[in-house]
Amino acid sequence: MHAYLKTIATMKTSIVIKAIVILLFLSFTTISDKPTNPPLHEGFVYLKDVIPNLRSDLRYYGPNNFIGQPLKGYNAPKCILSKKAADALTKVQTELERIGFGLLIYDAYRPQQAVDNMISWSEDDSDTLMKEDFYPNIDKKDLFKEGYISKKSGHSRGSTVDLTIVSLKTRHILNMGSPYDLLDEKSSIDYPNITKNQRALRMLLRRRMEKHGFKSYDKEWWHFTLKNEPFPNTYFNFPVE
């Protein structure tokens, strides 16, 4: 009888040990399978880690841009920015949330290889696939002269961001009078031939961004650079991944 009870106890102990081993295995598997961001260059952060509820529509990761295809170096739909710029952007988001709005990011850090991709595209006179949607009133060869494309972009320094405002209630993107990346005079901050409401929304974005240390770009209502950027003379080329 004692031997039988001892056997039963041993079996129960074995079952408990196996259960613990299985739980530990599942626990470690869950941890190891959790997606993680690759390590970044020092001084940079993933914006979603800093502003979890931030929305994005990363145009250069896909084909909805003036080139019509994903740009080199955009290997994942992720927003990267210098930590200093990200901290300033957090303050803008917090202020907008108080009045029912939030930010939507179109582009943040841009690797130099993506800029080089733009340059190569600009030299191909036959490729005007996206002209009607993005630069209908400008000859492709004049995009550099007009200041819409540059061989060195502030985005590659890690503290420039393209963005707009969305309604937290409806989730709709607010109408700023011209779409993002329309390379046209309509996109200039002070363009007069838009509605009062559209002009007010451009000013809302501009004033909130400038209040927290960003400077605007007069040709593009969506484009802002941190005034005291941490890497003012460095153009990075690590990929977005």
Protein backbone atom coordinates (compact mmCIF):
# COMPACT_ATOMS: atom_id res chain seq x y z
CA MET A 1 0.00 0.00 0.00
CA HIS A 2 2.79 2.36 0.93
CA ALA A 3 4.60 1.56 -2.31
CA TYR A 4 1.40 2.30 -4.29
CA LEU A 5 0.92 5.69 -2.59
CA LYS A 6 4.57 6.50 -3.14
CA THR A 7 4.19 5.72 -6.86
CA ILE A 8 1.09 7.96 -7.10
CA ALA A 9 2.94 10.79 -5.35
CA THR A 10 5.90 10.39 -7.67
CA MET A 11 3.59 10.53 -10.72
CA LYS A 12 1.89 13.69 -9.43
CA THR A 13 5.24 15.32 -8.82
CA SER A 14 6.38 14.40 -12.33
CA ILE A 15 3.21 15.88 -13.85
CA VAL A 16 3.67 19.12 -11.89
CA ILE A 17 7.31 19.39 -12.99
CA LYS A 18 6.36 18.82 -16.64
CA ALA A 19 3.63 21.46 -16.38
CA ILE A 20 6.11 23.96 -14.95
CA VAL A 21 8.62 23.20 -17.72
CA ILE A 22 5.91 23.69 -20.39
CA LEU A 23 4.82 27.00 -18.86
CA LEU A 24 8.38 28.23 -18.70
CA PHE A 25 8.94 27.21 -22.32
CA LEU A 26 5.81 29.03 -23.45
CA SER A 27 6.78 32.08 -21.43
CA PHE A 28 10.24 32.29 -22.99
CA THR A 29 8.83 31.58 -26.45
CA THR A 30 6.37 34.45 -26.08
CA ILE A 31 9.15 36.79 -25.03
CA SER A 32 11.48 35.77 -27.82
CA ASP A 33 8.71 36.01 -30.45
CA LYS A 34 7.70 39.53 -29.47
CA PRO A 35 8.71 41.92 -32.26
CA THR A 36 11.41 44.35 -31.24
CA ASN A 37 12.87 47.37 -32.95
CA PRO A 38 16.50 47.05 -34.08
CA PRO A 39 18.99 49.21 -32.20
CA LEU A 40 19.20 52.79 -33.45
CA HIS A 41 22.05 55.21 -33.87
CA GLU A 42 22.72 56.92 -30.56
CA GLY A 43 20.49 59.93 -30.05
CA PHE A 44 17.60 58.60 -32.16
CA VAL A 45 14.29 57.04 -31.12
CA TYR A 46 11.28 55.39 -32.67
CA LEU A 47 8.48 57.95 -32.40
CA LYS A 48 5.93 55.29 -31.45
CA ASP A 49 8.02 54.49 -28.37
CA VAL A 50 7.79 58.13 -27.30
CA ILE A 51 4.24 58.97 -28.49
CA PRO A 52 2.34 55.62 -28.57
CA ASN A 53 -0.91 57.09 -29.92
CA LEU A 54 0.79 58.96 -32.76
CA ARG A 55 -0.67 58.28 -36.22
CA SER A 56 1.37 57.97 -39.41
CA ASP A 57 1.05 57.63 -43.17
CA LEU A 58 4.63 57.07 -44.28
CA ARG A 59 4.52 58.00 -47.94
CA TYR A 60 8.09 57.10 -48.90
CA TYR A 61 7.69 53.54 -47.66
CA GLY A 62 5.06 52.98 -50.36
CA PRO A 63 4.24 54.26 -53.87
CA ASN A 64 1.99 57.20 -52.91
CA ASN A 65 4.61 59.91 -53.44
CA PHE A 66 5.96 62.11 -56.23
CA ILE A 67 8.31 59.37 -57.44
CA GLY A 68 5.59 56.71 -57.51
CA GLN A 69 7.52 53.94 -55.74
CA PRO A 70 9.10 53.20 -52.34
CA LEU A 71 12.37 55.03 -51.77
CA LYS A 72 15.62 53.26 -50.99
CA GLY A 73 16.35 52.94 -47.30
CA TYR A 74 12.71 52.79 -46.18
CA ASN A 75 12.67 49.11 -45.21
CA ALA A 76 9.85 49.36 -42.66
CA PRO A 77 6.89 51.68 -42.00
CA LYS A 78 8.45 53.26 -38.93
CA CYS A 79 9.04 56.85 -37.82
CA ILE A 80 12.51 57.64 -36.54
CA LEU A 81 13.59 61.02 -35.16
CA SER A 82 16.31 62.45 -32.96
CA LYS A 83 15.38 62.10 -29.29
CA LYS A 84 15.52 65.86 -28.85
CA ALA A 85 13.07 66.47 -31.70
CA ALA A 86 10.83 63.63 -30.50
CA ASP A 87 10.62 65.15 -27.01
CA ALA A 88 9.62 68.50 -28.51
CA LEU A 89 7.03 66.81 -30.72
CA THR A 90 5.54 65.13 -27.66
CA LYS A 91 4.71 68.56 -26.26
CA VAL A 92 2.96 69.53 -29.50
CA GLN A 93 0.90 66.32 -29.44
CA THR A 94 -0.07 66.88 -25.81
CA GLU A 95 -1.28 70.41 -26.51
CA LEU A 96 -3.31 69.34 -29.54
CA GLU A 97 -4.94 66.48 -27.64
CA ARG A 98 -6.33 68.97 -25.14
CA ILE A 99 -8.43 70.51 -27.91
CA GLY A 100 -9.41 67.23 -29.58
CA PHE A 101 -6.68 66.92 -32.19
CA GLY A 102 -3.48 64.97 -32.79
CA LEU A 103 -0.55 64.70 -35.18
CA LEU A 104 -0.13 62.47 -38.22
CA ILE A 105 3.40 61.92 -39.53
CA TYR A 106 4.16 61.67 -43.24
CA ASP A 107 7.94 61.54 -42.98
CA ALA A 108 10.59 61.93 -40.30
CA TYR A 109 14.21 60.77 -40.52
CA ARG A 110 15.16 60.14 -44.17
CA PRO A 111 18.37 58.23 -45.01
CA GLN A 112 20.72 59.86 -47.50
CA GLN A 113 20.24 56.91 -49.84
CA ALA A 114 16.59 57.94 -50.20
CA VAL A 115 17.68 61.48 -51.08
CA ASP A 116 20.08 60.03 -53.67
CA ASN A 117 17.12 58.03 -55.00
CA MET A 118 15.24 61.31 -55.50
CA ILE A 119 18.22 62.81 -57.32
CA SER A 120 18.45 59.85 -59.69
CA TRP A 121 14.73 60.09 -60.39
CA SER A 122 15.00 63.80 -61.14
CA GLU A 123 17.59 63.10 -63.85
CA ASP A 124 15.23 60.83 -65.77
CA ASP A 125 13.22 63.20 -67.95
CA SER A 126 11.01 60.39 -69.24
CA ASP A 127 9.61 59.50 -65.81
CA THR A 128 6.69 61.85 -65.15
CA LEU A 129 4.27 59.21 -63.86
CA MET A 130 3.19 61.23 -60.81
CA LYS A 131 3.34 64.72 -62.31
CA GLU A 132 -0.41 65.30 -62.41
CA ASP A 133 -0.83 64.44 -58.73
CA PHE A 134 2.29 66.00 -57.21
CA TYR A 135 3.85 68.67 -59.44
CA PRO A 136 1.26 69.58 -62.09
CA ASN A 137 2.44 73.17 -62.62
CA ILE A 138 6.22 72.74 -62.42
CA ASP A 139 8.62 71.17 -64.89
CA LYS A 140 10.44 68.28 -63.28
CA LYS A 141 13.82 69.84 -64.08
CA ASP A 142 12.86 72.91 -62.01
CA LEU A 143 12.03 71.08 -58.76
CA PHE A 144 15.54 71.70 -57.42
CA LYS A 145 15.60 75.35 -58.49
CA GLU A 146 12.21 75.95 -56.87
CA GLY A 147 13.41 74.47 -53.56
CA TYR A 148 11.19 71.41 -53.43
CA ILE A 149 14.04 68.89 -53.67
CA SER A 150 17.61 69.24 -52.43
CA LYS A 151 20.73 67.12 -52.74
CA LYS A 152 21.03 67.34 -48.96
CA SER A 153 17.85 67.13 -46.92
CA GLY A 154 17.26 68.31 -43.37
CA HIS A 155 15.36 65.05 -42.88
CA SER A 156 18.67 63.18 -43.04
CA ARG A 157 19.93 65.10 -40.01
CA GLY A 158 17.15 63.46 -38.01
CA SER A 159 15.28 66.48 -36.63
CA THR A 160 12.98 67.40 -39.52
CA VAL A 161 9.44 66.11 -39.76
CA ASP A 162 6.55 66.32 -42.24
CA LEU A 163 3.18 66.21 -40.54
CA THR A 164 -0.42 67.36 -40.33
CA ILE A 165 -3.34 67.43 -37.88
CA VAL A 166 -6.11 64.86 -37.43
CA SER A 167 -9.35 64.94 -35.47
CA LEU A 168 -9.30 62.53 -32.53
CA LYS A 169 -13.09 62.23 -32.67
CA THR A 170 -13.61 61.53 -36.38
CA ARG A 171 -10.07 60.28 -37.21
CA HIS A 172 -10.20 62.47 -40.31
CA ILE A 173 -7.20 64.39 -41.61
CA LEU A 174 -7.93 68.12 -41.48
CA ASN A 175 -8.16 70.01 -44.77
CA MET A 176 -5.13 72.28 -45.06
CA GLY A 177 -5.96 73.58 -48.53
CA SER A 178 -3.51 71.36 -50.40
CA PRO A 179 -2.48 67.71 -50.01
CA TYR A 180 0.83 66.63 -48.55
CA ASP A 181 3.79 66.82 -50.95
CA LEU A 182 1.95 68.86 -53.56
CA LEU A 183 4.96 70.65 -55.03
CA ASP A 184 3.17 73.84 -55.91
CA GLU A 185 2.68 77.40 -54.69
CA LYS A 186 -0.61 76.25 -53.12
CA SER A 187 1.44 74.50 -50.45
CA SER A 188 3.24 77.60 -49.22
CA ILE A 189 2.31 78.54 -45.68
CA ASP A 190 0.98 81.98 -46.61
CA TYR A 191 -0.78 81.03 -49.85
CA PRO A 192 -3.76 83.42 -50.00
CA ASN A 193 -6.28 81.55 -52.15
CA ILE A 194 -7.55 79.08 -49.59
CA THR A 195 -10.47 79.31 -47.17
CA LYS A 196 -10.27 81.07 -43.82
CA ASN A 197 -10.63 77.74 -42.07
CA GLN A 198 -7.79 76.16 -44.06
CA ARG A 199 -5.57 79.15 -43.34
CA ALA A 200 -6.46 78.96 -39.64
CA LEU A 201 -5.51 75.26 -39.55
CA ARG A 202 -2.15 75.96 -41.16
CA MET A 203 -1.53 78.63 -38.56
CA LEU A 204 -2.62 76.30 -35.76
CA LEU A 205 -0.03 73.74 -36.83
CA ARG A 206 2.66 76.35 -37.39
CA ARG A 207 2.16 78.12 -34.06
CA ARG A 208 2.10 74.93 -32.04
CA MET A 209 5.25 73.65 -33.72
CA GLU A 210 7.11 76.96 -33.39
CA LYS A 211 6.06 77.25 -29.76
CA HIS A 212 7.94 74.04 -29.01
CA GLY A 213 11.14 74.83 -30.85
CA PHE A 214 10.52 74.01 -34.50
CA LYS A 215 10.95 76.34 -37.45
CA SER A 216 8.71 76.18 -40.51
CA TYR A 217 9.54 76.10 -44.22
CA ASP A 218 7.61 78.72 -46.16
CA LYS A 219 7.10 76.59 -49.29
CA GLU A 220 5.61 73.59 -47.45
CA TRP A 221 3.03 73.97 -44.68
CA TRP A 222 3.81 70.44 -43.41
CA HIS A 223 7.60 70.77 -43.07
CA PHE A 224 9.30 71.63 -39.74
CA THR A 225 12.86 71.42 -38.39
CA LEU A 226 13.94 71.65 -34.77
CA LYS A 227 15.82 74.94 -34.37
CA ASN A 228 18.43 73.59 -31.99
CA GLU A 229 18.84 70.24 -33.72
CA PRO A 230 21.45 67.93 -32.17
CA PHE A 231 23.15 66.93 -35.47
CA PRO A 232 23.17 70.13 -37.57
CA ASN A 233 26.05 69.07 -39.80
CA THR A 234 25.56 65.31 -40.08
CA TYR A 235 23.57 63.61 -42.85
CA PHE A 236 22.88 60.05 -41.72
CA ASN A 237 22.40 57.08 -44.01
CA PHE A 238 21.29 54.20 -41.78
CA PRO A 239 18.09 52.59 -43.13
CA VAL A 240 14.63 52.86 -41.61
CA GLU A 241 13.91 49.34 -40.37
